[in-house]
Full PDB file with SEQRES, HELIX, SHEET, SSBOND, CRYST1, ORIGX, SCALE, CONECT and MASTER records, all heavy atoms in Angstrom:
SEQRES   1 A   34  PRO PHE ASP ASP SER ILE ALA ASP LEU GLY LYS GLU TRP          
SEQRES   2 A   34  LYS SER ALA LEU ALA LYS LEU LYS PHE ALA ASN SER TYR          
SEQRES   3 A   34  ARG MET GLU PRO LEU LYS LYS PHE                              
HELIX    1 AA1 LEU A    9  LEU A   17  1                                   9    
CRYST1    1.000    1.000    1.000  90.00  90.00  90.00 P 1           1          
ORIGX1      1.000000  0.000000  0.000000        0.00000                         
ORIGX2      0.000000  1.000000  0.000000        0.00000                         
ORIGX3      0.000000  0.000000  1.000000        0.00000                         
SCALE1      1.000000  0.000000  0.000000        0.00000                         
SCALE2      0.000000  1.000000  0.000000        0.00000                         
SCALE3      0.000000  0.000000  1.000000        0.00000                         
ATOM      1  N   PRO A   1       0.805  -1.229  -0.011  1.00  0.00           N  
ATOM      2  CA  PRO A   1       0.019  -0.016  -0.001  1.00  0.00           C  
ATOM      3  C   PRO A   1       0.799   1.186  -0.028  1.00  0.00           C  
ATOM      4  O   PRO A   1       2.028   1.189   0.330  1.00  0.00           O  
ATOM      5  CB  PRO A   1      -0.844  -0.124   1.264  1.00  0.00           C  
ATOM      6  CG  PRO A   1      -0.119  -1.130   2.132  1.00  0.00           C  
ATOM      7  CD  PRO A   1       0.648  -1.983   1.163  1.00  0.00           C  
ATOM      8  N   PHE A   2       0.317   2.330  -0.491  1.00  0.00           N  
ATOM      9  CA  PHE A   2       1.065   3.620  -0.554  1.00  0.00           C  
ATOM     10  C   PHE A   2       1.659   4.138   0.705  1.00  0.00           C  
ATOM     11  O   PHE A   2       2.742   4.587   0.870  1.00  0.00           O  
ATOM     12  CB  PHE A   2       0.182   4.620  -1.225  1.00  0.00           C  
ATOM     13  CG  PHE A   2      -0.012   4.279  -2.728  1.00  0.00           C  
ATOM     14  CD1 PHE A   2      -1.368   4.128  -3.110  1.00  0.00           C  
ATOM     15  CD2 PHE A   2       0.925   4.228  -3.732  1.00  0.00           C  
ATOM     16  CE1 PHE A   2      -1.594   3.754  -4.404  1.00  0.00           C  
ATOM     17  CE2 PHE A   2       0.585   3.805  -4.920  1.00  0.00           C  
ATOM     18  CZ  PHE A   2      -0.665   3.617  -5.271  1.00  0.00           C  
ATOM     19  N   ASP A   3       0.894   3.993   1.829  1.00  0.00           N  
ATOM     20  CA  ASP A   3       1.215   4.517   3.060  1.00  0.00           C  
ATOM     21  C   ASP A   3       1.985   3.563   3.917  1.00  0.00           C  
ATOM     22  O   ASP A   3       2.278   3.915   5.198  1.00  0.00           O  
ATOM     23  CB  ASP A   3       0.101   5.256   3.754  1.00  0.00           C  
ATOM     24  CG  ASP A   3      -1.063   4.387   4.057  1.00  0.00           C  
ATOM     25  OD1 ASP A   3      -0.958   3.094   3.717  1.00  0.00           O  
ATOM     26  OD2 ASP A   3      -2.034   4.767   4.601  1.00  0.00           O  
ATOM     27  N   ASP A   4       2.052   2.289   3.553  1.00  0.00           N  
ATOM     28  CA  ASP A   4       2.667   1.258   4.319  1.00  0.00           C  
ATOM     29  C   ASP A   4       2.055   1.087   5.626  1.00  0.00           C  
ATOM     30  O   ASP A   4       2.622   0.666   6.672  1.00  0.00           O  
ATOM     31  CB  ASP A   4       4.204   1.428   4.481  1.00  0.00           C  
ATOM     32  CG  ASP A   4       4.913   1.416   3.217  1.00  0.00           C  
ATOM     33  OD1 ASP A   4       4.516   0.588   2.390  1.00  0.00           O  
ATOM     34  OD2 ASP A   4       5.831   2.072   3.041  1.00  0.00           O  
ATOM     35  N   SER A   5       0.730   1.346   5.798  1.00  0.00           N  
ATOM     36  CA  SER A   5      -0.039   1.236   6.983  1.00  0.00           C  
ATOM     37  C   SER A   5      -0.777  -0.071   6.967  1.00  0.00           C  
ATOM     38  O   SER A   5      -1.644  -0.311   6.151  1.00  0.00           O  
ATOM     39  CB  SER A   5      -0.869   2.450   7.110  1.00  0.00           C  
ATOM     40  OG  SER A   5      -1.869   2.110   8.104  1.00  0.00           O  
ATOM     41  N   ILE A   6      -0.543  -0.874   8.002  1.00  0.00           N  
ATOM     42  CA  ILE A   6      -1.392  -2.118   8.070  1.00  0.00           C  
ATOM     43  C   ILE A   6      -2.750  -1.881   8.733  1.00  0.00           C  
ATOM     44  O   ILE A   6      -3.603  -2.680   8.573  1.00  0.00           O  
ATOM     45  CB  ILE A   6      -0.546  -3.186   8.854  1.00  0.00           C  
ATOM     46  CG1 ILE A   6       0.748  -3.503   8.176  1.00  0.00           C  
ATOM     47  CG2 ILE A   6      -1.313  -4.530   9.134  1.00  0.00           C  
ATOM     48  CD1 ILE A   6       0.672  -4.045   6.741  1.00  0.00           C  
ATOM     49  N   ALA A   7      -2.766  -0.841   9.566  1.00  0.00           N  
ATOM     50  CA  ALA A   7      -4.025  -0.496  10.217  1.00  0.00           C  
ATOM     51  C   ALA A   7      -5.215  -0.267   9.267  1.00  0.00           C  
ATOM     52  O   ALA A   7      -6.342  -0.546   9.644  1.00  0.00           O  
ATOM     53  CB  ALA A   7      -3.880   0.827  11.181  1.00  0.00           C  
ATOM     54  N   ASP A   8      -4.991   0.336   8.138  1.00  0.00           N  
ATOM     55  CA  ASP A   8      -6.002   0.610   7.137  1.00  0.00           C  
ATOM     56  C   ASP A   8      -6.163  -0.512   6.131  1.00  0.00           C  
ATOM     57  O   ASP A   8      -6.730  -0.308   5.093  1.00  0.00           O  
ATOM     58  CB  ASP A   8      -5.679   1.980   6.400  1.00  0.00           C  
ATOM     59  CG  ASP A   8      -5.766   3.238   7.408  1.00  0.00           C  
ATOM     60  OD1 ASP A   8      -6.618   2.965   8.346  1.00  0.00           O  
ATOM     61  OD2 ASP A   8      -5.067   4.133   7.144  1.00  0.00           O  
ATOM     62  N   LEU A   9      -5.602  -1.683   6.432  1.00  0.00           N  
ATOM     63  CA  LEU A   9      -5.693  -2.814   5.531  1.00  0.00           C  
ATOM     64  C   LEU A   9      -7.092  -3.228   5.092  1.00  0.00           C  
ATOM     65  O   LEU A   9      -7.274  -3.455   3.968  1.00  0.00           O  
ATOM     66  CB  LEU A   9      -4.838  -3.892   6.005  1.00  0.00           C  
ATOM     67  CG  LEU A   9      -4.582  -5.115   5.000  1.00  0.00           C  
ATOM     68  CD1 LEU A   9      -3.715  -4.682   3.835  1.00  0.00           C  
ATOM     69  CD2 LEU A   9      -4.011  -6.298   5.742  1.00  0.00           C  
ATOM     70  N   GLY A  10      -7.908  -3.127   6.131  1.00  0.00           N  
ATOM     71  CA  GLY A  10      -9.249  -3.598   5.776  1.00  0.00           C  
ATOM     72  C   GLY A  10      -9.906  -2.671   4.845  1.00  0.00           C  
ATOM     73  O   GLY A  10     -10.848  -3.189   3.935  1.00  0.00           O  
ATOM     74  N   LYS A  11      -9.587  -1.373   4.808  1.00  0.00           N  
ATOM     75  CA  LYS A  11     -10.321  -0.466   3.838  1.00  0.00           C  
ATOM     76  C   LYS A  11      -9.723  -0.639   2.498  1.00  0.00           C  
ATOM     77  O   LYS A  11     -10.382  -0.398   1.467  1.00  0.00           O  
ATOM     78  CB  LYS A  11     -10.275   0.924   4.255  1.00  0.00           C  
ATOM     79  CG  LYS A  11     -10.867   1.199   5.619  1.00  0.00           C  
ATOM     80  CD  LYS A  11     -10.624   2.591   6.183  1.00  0.00           C  
ATOM     81  CE  LYS A  11     -11.050   2.800   7.509  1.00  0.00           C  
ATOM     82  NZ  LYS A  11     -10.690   4.075   8.084  1.00  0.00           N  
ATOM     83  N   GLU A  12      -8.439  -0.965   2.432  1.00  0.00           N  
ATOM     84  CA  GLU A  12      -7.687  -0.952   1.155  1.00  0.00           C  
ATOM     85  C   GLU A  12      -7.594  -2.279   0.453  1.00  0.00           C  
ATOM     86  O   GLU A  12      -7.027  -2.384  -0.634  1.00  0.00           O  
ATOM     87  CB  GLU A  12      -6.378  -0.268   1.270  1.00  0.00           C  
ATOM     88  CG  GLU A  12      -6.447   1.190   1.857  1.00  0.00           C  
ATOM     89  CD  GLU A  12      -5.022   1.600   2.118  1.00  0.00           C  
ATOM     90  OE1 GLU A  12      -4.119   0.979   1.786  1.00  0.00           O  
ATOM     91  OE2 GLU A  12      -4.960   2.820   2.559  1.00  0.00           O  
ATOM     92  N   TRP A  13      -8.012  -3.311   1.143  1.00  0.00           N  
ATOM     93  CA  TRP A  13      -7.697  -4.661   0.457  1.00  0.00           C  
ATOM     94  C   TRP A  13      -8.325  -4.860  -0.858  1.00  0.00           C  
ATOM     95  O   TRP A  13      -7.760  -5.477  -1.686  1.00  0.00           O  
ATOM     96  CB  TRP A  13      -8.081  -5.865   1.482  1.00  0.00           C  
ATOM     97  CG  TRP A  13      -9.563  -6.109   1.576  1.00  0.00           C  
ATOM     98  CD1 TRP A  13     -10.363  -5.494   2.419  1.00  0.00           C  
ATOM     99  CD2 TRP A  13     -10.253  -7.144   0.872  1.00  0.00           C  
ATOM    100  NE1 TRP A  13     -11.705  -5.984   2.322  1.00  0.00           N  
ATOM    101  CE2 TRP A  13     -11.664  -6.925   1.404  1.00  0.00           C  
ATOM    102  CE3 TRP A  13      -9.986  -8.014  -0.061  1.00  0.00           C  
ATOM    103  CZ2 TRP A  13     -12.693  -7.772   0.855  1.00  0.00           C  
ATOM    104  CZ3 TRP A  13     -11.026  -8.785  -0.538  1.00  0.00           C  
ATOM    105  CH2 TRP A  13     -12.231  -8.621  -0.104  1.00  0.00           C  
ATOM    106  N   LYS A  14      -9.574  -4.349  -1.015  1.00  0.00           N  
ATOM    107  CA  LYS A  14     -10.201  -4.520  -2.432  1.00  0.00           C  
ATOM    108  C   LYS A  14      -9.416  -3.735  -3.456  1.00  0.00           C  
ATOM    109  O   LYS A  14      -9.195  -4.290  -4.598  1.00  0.00           O  
ATOM    110  CB  LYS A  14     -11.578  -3.882  -2.324  1.00  0.00           C  
ATOM    111  CG  LYS A  14     -12.651  -4.716  -1.547  1.00  0.00           C  
ATOM    112  CD  LYS A  14     -14.009  -4.237  -1.581  1.00  0.00           C  
ATOM    113  CE  LYS A  14     -14.913  -5.158  -0.846  1.00  0.00           C  
ATOM    114  NZ  LYS A  14     -16.240  -4.734  -0.904  1.00  0.00           N  
ATOM    115  N   SER A  15      -8.901  -2.535  -3.150  1.00  0.00           N  
ATOM    116  CA  SER A  15      -8.112  -1.913  -4.163  1.00  0.00           C  
ATOM    117  C   SER A  15      -6.713  -2.538  -4.380  1.00  0.00           C  
ATOM    118  O   SER A  15      -6.182  -2.481  -5.490  1.00  0.00           O  
ATOM    119  CB  SER A  15      -7.914  -0.364  -3.832  1.00  0.00           C  
ATOM    120  OG  SER A  15      -7.189  -0.283  -2.694  1.00  0.00           O  
ATOM    121  N   ALA A  16      -6.269  -3.162  -3.408  1.00  0.00           N  
ATOM    122  CA  ALA A  16      -4.934  -3.890  -3.433  1.00  0.00           C  
ATOM    123  C   ALA A  16      -5.051  -5.217  -4.317  1.00  0.00           C  
ATOM    124  O   ALA A  16      -4.071  -5.655  -4.872  1.00  0.00           O  
ATOM    125  CB  ALA A  16      -4.470  -4.226  -2.040  1.00  0.00           C  
ATOM    126  N   LEU A  17      -6.277  -5.914  -4.150  1.00  0.00           N  
ATOM    127  CA  LEU A  17      -6.462  -7.030  -5.006  1.00  0.00           C  
ATOM    128  C   LEU A  17      -6.307  -6.727  -6.390  1.00  0.00           C  
ATOM    129  O   LEU A  17      -5.907  -7.621  -7.184  1.00  0.00           O  
ATOM    130  CB  LEU A  17      -7.840  -7.652  -4.594  1.00  0.00           C  
ATOM    131  CG  LEU A  17      -7.892  -8.320  -3.267  1.00  0.00           C  
ATOM    132  CD1 LEU A  17      -9.347  -8.901  -3.041  1.00  0.00           C  
ATOM    133  CD2 LEU A  17      -6.936  -9.535  -3.183  1.00  0.00           C  
ATOM    134  N   ALA A  18      -6.631  -5.571  -6.907  1.00  0.00           N  
ATOM    135  CA  ALA A  18      -6.578  -5.236  -8.293  1.00  0.00           C  
ATOM    136  C   ALA A  18      -5.198  -5.185  -8.787  1.00  0.00           C  
ATOM    137  O   ALA A  18      -4.823  -5.271  -9.934  1.00  0.00           O  
ATOM    138  CB  ALA A  18      -7.329  -3.979  -8.624  1.00  0.00           C  
ATOM    139  N   LYS A  19      -4.245  -4.983  -7.746  1.00  0.00           N  
ATOM    140  CA  LYS A  19      -2.743  -4.885  -8.074  1.00  0.00           C  
ATOM    141  C   LYS A  19      -2.045  -6.183  -8.019  1.00  0.00           C  
ATOM    142  O   LYS A  19      -0.811  -6.237  -8.170  1.00  0.00           O  
ATOM    143  CB  LYS A  19      -2.165  -3.874  -7.099  1.00  0.00           C  
ATOM    144  CG  LYS A  19      -2.788  -2.462  -7.292  1.00  0.00           C  
ATOM    145  CD  LYS A  19      -2.194  -1.581  -6.131  1.00  0.00           C  
ATOM    146  CE  LYS A  19      -2.958  -0.318  -6.158  1.00  0.00           C  
ATOM    147  NZ  LYS A  19      -2.670   0.532  -5.030  1.00  0.00           N  
ATOM    148  N   LEU A  20      -2.725  -7.333  -7.854  1.00  0.00           N  
ATOM    149  CA  LEU A  20      -2.050  -8.658  -7.671  1.00  0.00           C  
ATOM    150  C   LEU A  20      -1.608  -9.164  -8.989  1.00  0.00           C  
ATOM    151  O   LEU A  20      -2.291  -8.914 -10.109  1.00  0.00           O  
ATOM    152  CB  LEU A  20      -2.990  -9.619  -7.121  1.00  0.00           C  
ATOM    153  CG  LEU A  20      -3.324  -9.579  -5.618  1.00  0.00           C  
ATOM    154  CD1 LEU A  20      -4.446 -10.729  -5.425  1.00  0.00           C  
ATOM    155  CD2 LEU A  20      -2.161  -9.774  -4.833  1.00  0.00           C  
ATOM    156  N   LYS A  21      -0.423  -9.698  -9.113  1.00  0.00           N  
ATOM    157  CA  LYS A  21       0.123 -10.261 -10.171  1.00  0.00           C  
ATOM    158  C   LYS A  21       0.170 -11.809 -10.040  1.00  0.00           C  
ATOM    159  O   LYS A  21       0.808 -12.289  -9.116  1.00  0.00           O  
ATOM    160  CB  LYS A  21       1.552  -9.771 -10.572  1.00  0.00           C  
ATOM    161  CG  LYS A  21       1.789  -8.280 -10.475  1.00  0.00           C  
ATOM    162  CD  LYS A  21       1.176  -7.698 -11.706  1.00  0.00           C  
ATOM    163  CE  LYS A  21       1.489  -6.119 -11.605  1.00  0.00           C  
ATOM    164  NZ  LYS A  21       0.795  -5.392 -12.560  1.00  0.00           N  
ATOM    165  N   PHE A  22      -0.615 -12.622 -10.904  1.00  0.00           N  
ATOM    166  CA  PHE A  22      -0.613 -13.979 -10.680  1.00  0.00           C  
ATOM    167  C   PHE A  22       0.322 -14.573 -11.635  1.00  0.00           C  
ATOM    168  O   PHE A  22       0.580 -14.151 -12.747  1.00  0.00           O  
ATOM    169  CB  PHE A  22      -1.953 -14.424 -11.096  1.00  0.00           C  
ATOM    170  CG  PHE A  22      -2.996 -14.059 -10.099  1.00  0.00           C  
ATOM    171  CD1 PHE A  22      -3.981 -13.104 -10.322  1.00  0.00           C  
ATOM    172  CD2 PHE A  22      -3.169 -14.627  -8.947  1.00  0.00           C  
ATOM    173  CE1 PHE A  22      -4.923 -12.665  -9.372  1.00  0.00           C  
ATOM    174  CE2 PHE A  22      -4.020 -14.278  -7.834  1.00  0.00           C  
ATOM    175  CZ  PHE A  22      -4.988 -13.310  -8.294  1.00  0.00           C  
ATOM    176  N   ALA A  23       0.871 -15.749 -11.027  1.00  0.00           N  
ATOM    177  CA  ALA A  23       1.863 -16.506 -11.914  1.00  0.00           C  
ATOM    178  C   ALA A  23       1.020 -17.215 -13.027  1.00  0.00           C  
ATOM    179  O   ALA A  23      -0.097 -17.696 -12.818  1.00  0.00           O  
ATOM    180  CB  ALA A  23       2.552 -17.505 -11.112  1.00  0.00           C  
ATOM    181  N   ASN A  24       1.654 -17.376 -14.219  1.00  0.00           N  
ATOM    182  CA  ASN A  24       0.951 -18.018 -15.284  1.00  0.00           C  
ATOM    183  C   ASN A  24       0.937 -19.444 -15.066  1.00  0.00           C  
ATOM    184  O   ASN A  24       2.111 -20.050 -14.674  1.00  0.00           O  
ATOM    185  CB  ASN A  24       1.652 -17.723 -16.650  1.00  0.00           C  
ATOM    186  CG  ASN A  24       0.834 -18.066 -17.803  1.00  0.00           C  
ATOM    187  OD1 ASN A  24      -0.126 -18.781 -17.685  1.00  0.00           O  
ATOM    188  ND2 ASN A  24       1.164 -17.463 -18.982  1.00  0.00           N  
ATOM    189  N   SER A  25      -0.193 -20.188 -15.235  1.00  0.00           N  
ATOM    190  CA  SER A  25      -0.199 -21.570 -15.041  1.00  0.00           C  
ATOM    191  C   SER A  25       0.295 -22.377 -16.251  1.00  0.00           C  
ATOM    192  O   SER A  25       0.638 -23.650 -16.004  1.00  0.00           O  
ATOM    193  CB  SER A  25      -1.590 -22.093 -14.755  1.00  0.00           C  
ATOM    194  OG  SER A  25      -2.398 -21.956 -15.858  1.00  0.00           O  
ATOM    195  N   TYR A  26       0.330 -21.788 -17.415  1.00  0.00           N  
ATOM    196  CA  TYR A  26       0.822 -22.560 -18.595  1.00  0.00           C  
ATOM    197  C   TYR A  26       0.062 -23.782 -18.944  1.00  0.00           C  
ATOM    198  O   TYR A  26       0.458 -24.721 -19.516  1.00  0.00           O  
ATOM    199  CB  TYR A  26       2.308 -22.778 -18.504  1.00  0.00           C  
ATOM    200  CG  TYR A  26       3.173 -21.591 -18.401  1.00  0.00           C  
ATOM    201  CD1 TYR A  26       3.689 -21.290 -17.207  1.00  0.00           C  
ATOM    202  CD2 TYR A  26       3.352 -20.704 -19.485  1.00  0.00           C  
ATOM    203  CE1 TYR A  26       4.488 -20.080 -17.051  1.00  0.00           C  
ATOM    204  CE2 TYR A  26       4.051 -19.573 -19.374  1.00  0.00           C  
ATOM    205  CZ  TYR A  26       4.649 -19.136 -18.179  1.00  0.00           C  
ATOM    206  OH  TYR A  26       5.333 -18.074 -18.003  1.00  0.00           O  
ATOM    207  N   ARG A  27      -1.223 -23.884 -18.459  1.00  0.00           N  
ATOM    208  CA  ARG A  27      -2.004 -25.083 -18.677  1.00  0.00           C  
ATOM    209  C   ARG A  27      -2.624 -24.873 -19.960  1.00  0.00           C  
ATOM    210  O   ARG A  27      -3.286 -23.992 -20.222  1.00  0.00           O  
ATOM    211  CB  ARG A  27      -3.026 -25.137 -17.591  1.00  0.00           C  
ATOM    212  CG  ARG A  27      -3.950 -26.450 -17.799  1.00  0.00           C  
ATOM    213  CD  ARG A  27      -4.799 -26.651 -16.625  1.00  0.00           C  
ATOM    214  NE  ARG A  27      -4.045 -27.089 -15.411  1.00  0.00           N  
ATOM    215  CZ  ARG A  27      -3.567 -28.367 -15.195  1.00  0.00           C  
ATOM    216  NH1 ARG A  27      -3.793 -29.194 -16.172  1.00  0.00           N  
ATOM    217  NH2 ARG A  27      -2.895 -28.632 -14.201  1.00  0.00           N  
ATOM    218  N   MET A  28      -2.477 -25.856 -20.873  1.00  0.00           N  
ATOM    219  CA  MET A  28      -2.937 -25.795 -22.153  1.00  0.00           C  
ATOM    220  C   MET A  28      -4.097 -26.712 -22.369  1.00  0.00           C  
ATOM    221  O   MET A  28      -4.876 -26.748 -23.474  1.00  0.00           O  
ATOM    222  CB  MET A  28      -1.855 -26.153 -23.239  1.00  0.00           C  
ATOM    223  CG  MET A  28      -0.658 -25.308 -23.224  1.00  0.00           C  
ATOM    224  SD  MET A  28      -1.147 -23.543 -23.599  1.00  0.00           S  
ATOM    225  CE  MET A  28      -1.506 -23.611 -25.345  1.00  0.00           C  
ATOM    226  N   GLU A  29      -4.489 -27.604 -21.400  1.00  0.00           N  
ATOM    227  CA  GLU A  29      -5.612 -28.491 -21.540  1.00  0.00           C  
ATOM    228  C   GLU A  29      -6.408 -28.381 -20.255  1.00  0.00           C  
ATOM    229  O   GLU A  29      -5.855 -27.965 -19.175  1.00  0.00           O  
ATOM    230  CB  GLU A  29      -5.181 -29.923 -21.669  1.00  0.00           C  
ATOM    231  CG  GLU A  29      -4.460 -30.585 -20.580  1.00  0.00           C  
ATOM    232  CD  GLU A  29      -2.951 -30.257 -20.500  1.00  0.00           C  
ATOM    233  OE1 GLU A  29      -2.358 -29.737 -21.458  1.00  0.00           O  
ATOM    234  OE2 GLU A  29      -2.421 -30.453 -19.445  1.00  0.00           O  
ATOM    235  N   PRO A  30      -7.674 -28.709 -20.258  1.00  0.00           N  
ATOM    236  CA  PRO A  30      -8.473 -28.537 -18.971  1.00  0.00           C  
ATOM    237  C   PRO A  30      -8.141 -29.679 -17.989  1.00  0.00           C  
ATOM    238  O   PRO A  30      -7.706 -30.665 -18.404  1.00  0.00           O  
ATOM    239  CB  PRO A  30      -9.991 -28.752 -19.560  1.00  0.00           C  
ATOM    240  CG  PRO A  30      -9.724 -29.579 -20.849  1.00  0.00           C  
ATOM    241  CD  PRO A  30      -8.472 -29.114 -21.369  1.00  0.00           C  
ATOM    242  N   LEU A  31      -8.546 -29.253 -16.811  1.00  0.00           N  
ATOM    243  CA  LEU A  31      -8.285 -30.263 -15.657  1.00  0.00           C  
ATOM    244  C   LEU A  31      -9.378 -31.426 -15.899  1.00  0.00           C  
ATOM    245  O   LEU A  31      -9.136 -32.541 -15.561  1.00  0.00           O  
ATOM    246  CB  LEU A  31      -8.484 -29.587 -14.283  1.00  0.00           C  
ATOM    247  CG  LEU A  31      -7.441 -28.552 -13.869  1.00  0.00           C  
ATOM    248  CD1 LEU A  31      -7.947 -27.813 -12.592  1.00  0.00           C  
ATOM    249  CD2 LEU A  31      -6.084 -29.267 -13.688  1.00  0.00           C  
ATOM    250  N   LYS A  32     -10.545 -30.911 -16.319  1.00  0.00           N  
ATOM    251  CA  LYS A  32     -11.562 -31.935 -16.493  1.00  0.00           C  
ATOM    252  C   LYS A  32     -12.260 -31.686 -17.855  1.00  0.00           C  
ATOM    253  O   LYS A  32     -12.765 -30.626 -17.998  1.00  0.00           O  
ATOM    254  CB  LYS A  32     -12.683 -31.901 -15.430  1.00  0.00           C  
ATOM    255  CG  LYS A  32     -13.780 -32.730 -15.439  1.00  0.00           C  
ATOM    256  CD  LYS A  32     -14.609 -32.427 -14.207  1.00  0.00           C  
ATOM    257  CE  LYS A  32     -16.138 -33.016 -14.334  1.00  0.00           C  
ATOM    258  NZ  LYS A  32     -16.907 -32.664 -13.194  1.00  0.00           N  
ATOM    259  N   LYS A  33     -12.280 -32.627 -18.845  1.00  0.00           N  
ATOM    260  CA  LYS A  33     -12.693 -32.405 -20.189  1.00  0.00           C  
ATOM    261  C   LYS A  33     -14.248 -32.413 -20.116  1.00  0.00           C  
ATOM    262  O   LYS A  33     -14.923 -33.041 -19.342  1.00  0.00           O  
ATOM    263  CB  LYS A  33     -12.193 -33.485 -21.115  1.00  0.00           C  
ATOM    264  CG  LYS A  33     -12.547 -33.267 -22.527  1.00  0.00           C  
ATOM    265  CD  LYS A  33     -11.944 -34.194 -23.461  1.00  0.00           C  
ATOM    266  CE  LYS A  33     -12.435 -33.844 -24.871  1.00  0.00           C  
ATOM    267  NZ  LYS A  33     -11.983 -34.765 -25.787  1.00  0.00           N  
ATOM    268  N   PHE A  34     -14.842 -31.557 -20.813  1.00  0.00           N  
ATOM    269  CA  PHE A  34     -16.318 -31.535 -21.045  1.00  0.00           C  
ATOM    270  C   PHE A  34     -16.883 -32.833 -21.395  1.00  0.00           C  
ATOM    271  O   PHE A  34     -16.610 -33.382 -22.412  1.00  0.00           O  
ATOM    272  CB  PHE A  34     -16.671 -30.378 -22.059  1.00  0.00           C  
ATOM    273  CG  PHE A  34     -18.090 -30.115 -22.284  1.00  0.00           C  
ATOM    274  CD1 PHE A  34     -18.750 -29.368 -21.287  1.00  0.00           C  
ATOM    275  CD2 PHE A  34     -18.852 -30.567 -23.299  1.00  0.00           C  
ATOM    276  CE1 PHE A  34     -20.049 -28.952 -21.358  1.00  0.00           C  
ATOM    277  CE2 PHE A  34     -20.174 -30.257 -23.391  1.00  0.00           C  
ATOM    278  CZ  PHE A  34     -20.838 -29.496 -22.403  1.00  0.00           C  
TER     279      PHE A  34                                                      
MASTER        0    0    0    1    0    0    0    6  278    1    0    3          
END                                                                             
């Protein structure tokens, strides 16, 4: 977070979730076929 404050984490967690970077799974086939 911009202010490095953990106290305001509850208010900012929704906006912080938009900044998450997920690792690519590189999965080319489904886990369960249709």
